[in-house]
Structures are given as structure tokens and as C-alpha cells.
C-alpha atoms as a PDB file:
ATOM      1  CA  MET A   1      11.533   6.296  -1.271  1.00  0.00           C
ATOM      2  CA  HIS A   2       8.417   4.864  -2.763  1.00  0.00           C
ATOM      3  CA  GLY A   3       7.912   3.020  -5.985  1.00  0.00           C
ATOM      4  CA  GLY A   4       5.359   1.017  -7.857  1.00  0.00           C
ATOM      5  CA  SER A   5       4.356  -0.255 -11.246  1.00  0.00           C
ATOM      6  CA  ARG A   6       2.670   2.996 -12.256  1.00  0.00           C
ATOM      7  CA  VAL A   7       4.386   6.308 -12.823  1.00  0.00           C
ATOM      8  CA  ASN A   8       4.500   8.413  -9.683  1.00  0.00           C
ATOM      9  CA  ARG A   9       3.408  12.046  -9.776  1.00  0.00           C
ATOM     10  CA  LEU A  10       6.451  13.187  -7.798  1.00  0.00           C
ATOM     11  CA  THR A  11      10.098  12.472  -8.450  1.00  0.00           C
ATOM     12  CA  LEU A  12      13.077  13.718  -6.479  1.00  0.00           C
ATOM     13  CA  LEU A  13      16.358  13.862  -8.379  1.00  0.00           C
ATOM     14  CA  THR A  14      19.339  13.595  -6.038  1.00  0.00           C
ATOM     15  CA  THR A  15      22.930  12.462  -5.954  1.00  0.00           C
ATOM     16  CA  ARG A  16      25.438  11.229  -3.408  1.00  0.00           C
ATOM     17  CA  ASP A  17      27.058  13.798  -1.117  1.00  0.00           C
ATOM     18  CA  CYS A  18      24.246  16.306  -1.729  1.00  0.00           C
ATOM     19  CA  HIS A  19      23.887  18.382   1.439  1.00  0.00           C
ATOM     20  CA  LEU A  20      20.440  19.723   0.433  1.00  0.00           C
ATOM     21  CA  CYS A  21      18.975  16.368  -0.603  1.00  0.00           C
ATOM     22  CA  GLY A  22      18.173  15.131   2.913  1.00  0.00           C
ATOM     23  CA  ALA A  23      15.964  18.117   3.725  1.00  0.00           C
ATOM     24  CA  ALA A  24      14.291  17.927   0.307  1.00  0.00           C
ATOM     25  CA  ARG A  25      13.648  14.196   0.814  1.00  0.00           C
ATOM     26  CA  ALA A  26      11.990  14.837   4.191  1.00  0.00           C
ATOM     27  CA  ASP A  27       9.856  17.713   2.856  1.00  0.00           C
ATOM     28  CA  LEU A  28       8.796  15.800  -0.252  1.00  0.00           C
ATOM     29  CA  GLY A  29       7.967  12.713   1.808  1.00  0.00           C
ATOM     30  CA  ARG A  30       5.757  14.762   4.116  1.00  0.00           C
ATOM     31  CA  VAL A  31       3.927  16.518   1.256  1.00  0.00           C
ATOM     32  CA  ALA A  32       3.427  13.232  -0.593  1.00  0.00           C
ATOM     33  CA  ARG A  33       2.013  11.521   2.505  1.00  0.00           C
ATOM     34  CA  GLU A  34      -0.376  14.387   3.158  1.00  0.00           C
ATOM     35  CA  ALA A  35      -1.500  14.400  -0.496  1.00  0.00           C
ATOM     36  CA  GLY A  36      -1.798  10.599  -0.645  1.00  0.00           C
ATOM     37  CA  VAL A  37       0.580  10.249  -3.597  1.00  0.00           C
ATOM     38  CA  ASP A  38       3.644   8.094  -4.126  1.00  0.00           C
ATOM     39  CA  TRP A  39       7.033   9.460  -5.032  1.00  0.00           C
ATOM     40  CA  THR A  40      10.264   8.174  -6.505  1.00  0.00           C
ATOM     41  CA  GLU A  41      13.874   9.142  -5.867  1.00  0.00           C
ATOM     42  CA  ILE A  42      16.409   8.929  -8.676  1.00  0.00           C
ATOM     43  CA  ASP A  43      20.158   9.351  -8.210  1.00  0.00           C
ATOM     44  CA  VAL A  44      21.367  11.205 -11.299  1.00  0.00           C
ATOM     45  CA  ALA A  45      24.815   9.618 -10.913  1.00  0.00           C
ATOM     46  CA  ASP A  46      23.205   6.499 -12.394  1.00  0.00           C
ATOM     47  CA  ASP A  47      22.015   8.351 -15.537  1.00  0.00           C
ATOM     48  CA  ALA A  48      24.462  10.444 -17.584  1.00  0.00           C
ATOM     49  CA  ALA A  49      21.719  12.398 -19.380  1.00  0.00           C
ATOM     50  CA  LEU A  50      20.020  13.371 -16.110  1.00  0.00           C
ATOM     51  CA  ALA A  51      23.376  14.282 -14.571  1.00  0.00           C
ATOM     52  CA  ARG A  52      24.141  16.591 -17.506  1.00  0.00           C
ATOM     53  CA  GLU A  53      20.721  18.234 -17.380  1.00  0.00           C
ATOM     54  CA  TYR A  54      20.251  18.631 -13.622  1.00  0.00           C
ATOM     55  CA  GLY A  55      23.667  18.080 -12.007  1.00  0.00           C
ATOM     56  CA  ASP A  56      24.272  21.672 -10.903  1.00  0.00           C
ATOM     57  CA  ARG A  57      20.754  22.209  -9.520  1.00  0.00           C
ATOM     58  CA  LEU A  58      20.202  19.203  -7.240  1.00  0.00           C
ATOM     59  CA  PRO A  59      17.954  18.314  -5.612  1.00  0.00           C
ATOM     60  CA  VAL A  60      15.233  18.772  -8.234  1.00  0.00           C
ATOM     61  CA  VAL A  61      11.521  18.083  -7.747  1.00  0.00           C
ATOM     62  CA  LEU A  62       9.580  16.883 -10.772  1.00  0.00           C
ATOM     63  CA  LEU A  63       5.780  17.020 -10.752  1.00  0.00           C
ATOM     64  CA  ASP A  64       4.174  14.873 -13.440  1.00  0.00           C
ATOM     65  CA  GLY A  65       7.547  14.688 -15.216  1.00  0.00           C
ATOM     66  CA  ARG A  66       8.118  18.448 -15.344  1.00  0.00           C
ATOM     67  CA  GLU A  67      10.562  20.429 -13.250  1.00  0.00           C
ATOM     68  CA  HIS A  68       8.733  22.003 -10.316  1.00  0.00           C
ATOM     69  CA  GLY A  69      11.699  23.386  -8.398  1.00  0.00           C
ATOM     70  CA  TYR A  70      15.275  22.864  -7.367  1.00  0.00           C
ATOM     71  CA  TRP A  71      17.591  23.189  -4.340  1.00  0.00           C
ATOM     72  CA  ASP A  72      14.643  22.929  -1.949  1.00  0.00           C
ATOM     73  CA  VAL A  73      10.987  21.963  -1.880  1.00  0.00           C
ATOM     74  CA  ASP A  74       8.610  24.927  -2.038  1.00  0.00           C
ATOM     75  CA  VAL A  75       6.114  23.154   0.211  1.00  0.00           C
ATOM     76  CA  PRO A  76       3.153  25.591  -0.076  1.00  0.00           C
ATOM     77  CA  ARG A  77       3.492  25.822  -3.875  1.00  0.00           C
ATOM     78  CA  LEU A  78       3.869  22.052  -4.271  1.00  0.00           C
ATOM     79  CA  LYS A  79       0.780  21.390  -2.133  1.00  0.00           C
ATOM     80  CA  ARG A  80      -1.225  23.930  -4.133  1.00  0.00           C
ATOM     81  CA  ASP A  81      -0.053  22.516  -7.490  1.00  0.00           C
ATOM     82  CA  LEU A  82      -0.769  18.916  -6.439  1.00  0.00           C
ATOM     83  CA  GLU A  83      -4.258  19.894  -5.338  1.00  0.00           C
ATOM     84  CA  ALA A  84      -4.934  21.948  -8.483  1.00  0.00           C
ATOM     85  CA  SER A  85      -3.758  19.220 -10.856  1.00  0.00           C
ATOM     86  CA  SER A  86      -5.790  16.531  -9.078  1.00  0.00           C
ATOM     87  CA  ASP A  87      -8.946  18.627  -9.544  1.00  0.00           C
ATOM     88  CA  SER A  88      -8.614  18.641 -13.343  1.00  0.00           C
END
């Protein structure tokens, strides 16, 4: 998990006992490293509003604050979207 004072482009929403979250964490970490961007992990158990909104779809990947995908990381699509949005 990476953090910093600025808002990160990528956020992974997870929760405890999530069997898909480990694979999503590894995939997101790899994509973020390759793209040279930081990412943040948030456990929705610590935020009731996030738990209500995303609880049945975890893990969820947010790109620039918007939902990009859930249950797994679509690596080719995420790479393409990161590259496209950094060109604008």
C-alpha cells in the first residue's frame, strides 16, 4: 500500500476476509509500479458509506475517484486507461 500527501490516481477498496483482494492487490501494485503512479488501499469496514456502496462487489478499483472495475483488476484495460488519461 502506498500513500502520500496528494491524492493518488488509483485506489483499491478491500475488506478483511476478502478472498479476491490479495490477487487484486498484487495486480494493482504491478500496474501502478509499471505506470509510475502511487496507489492507496482502503478497507471499507472502516467506512460505513463505502461499505454500503461497494460491500458486495469487493475488491473495487477506482481510477481518479471513479469506479474502474470490481472483483478483479482488468490489467490491459487499466494500463490503457492510465496511459490515455496521462496524455490529456
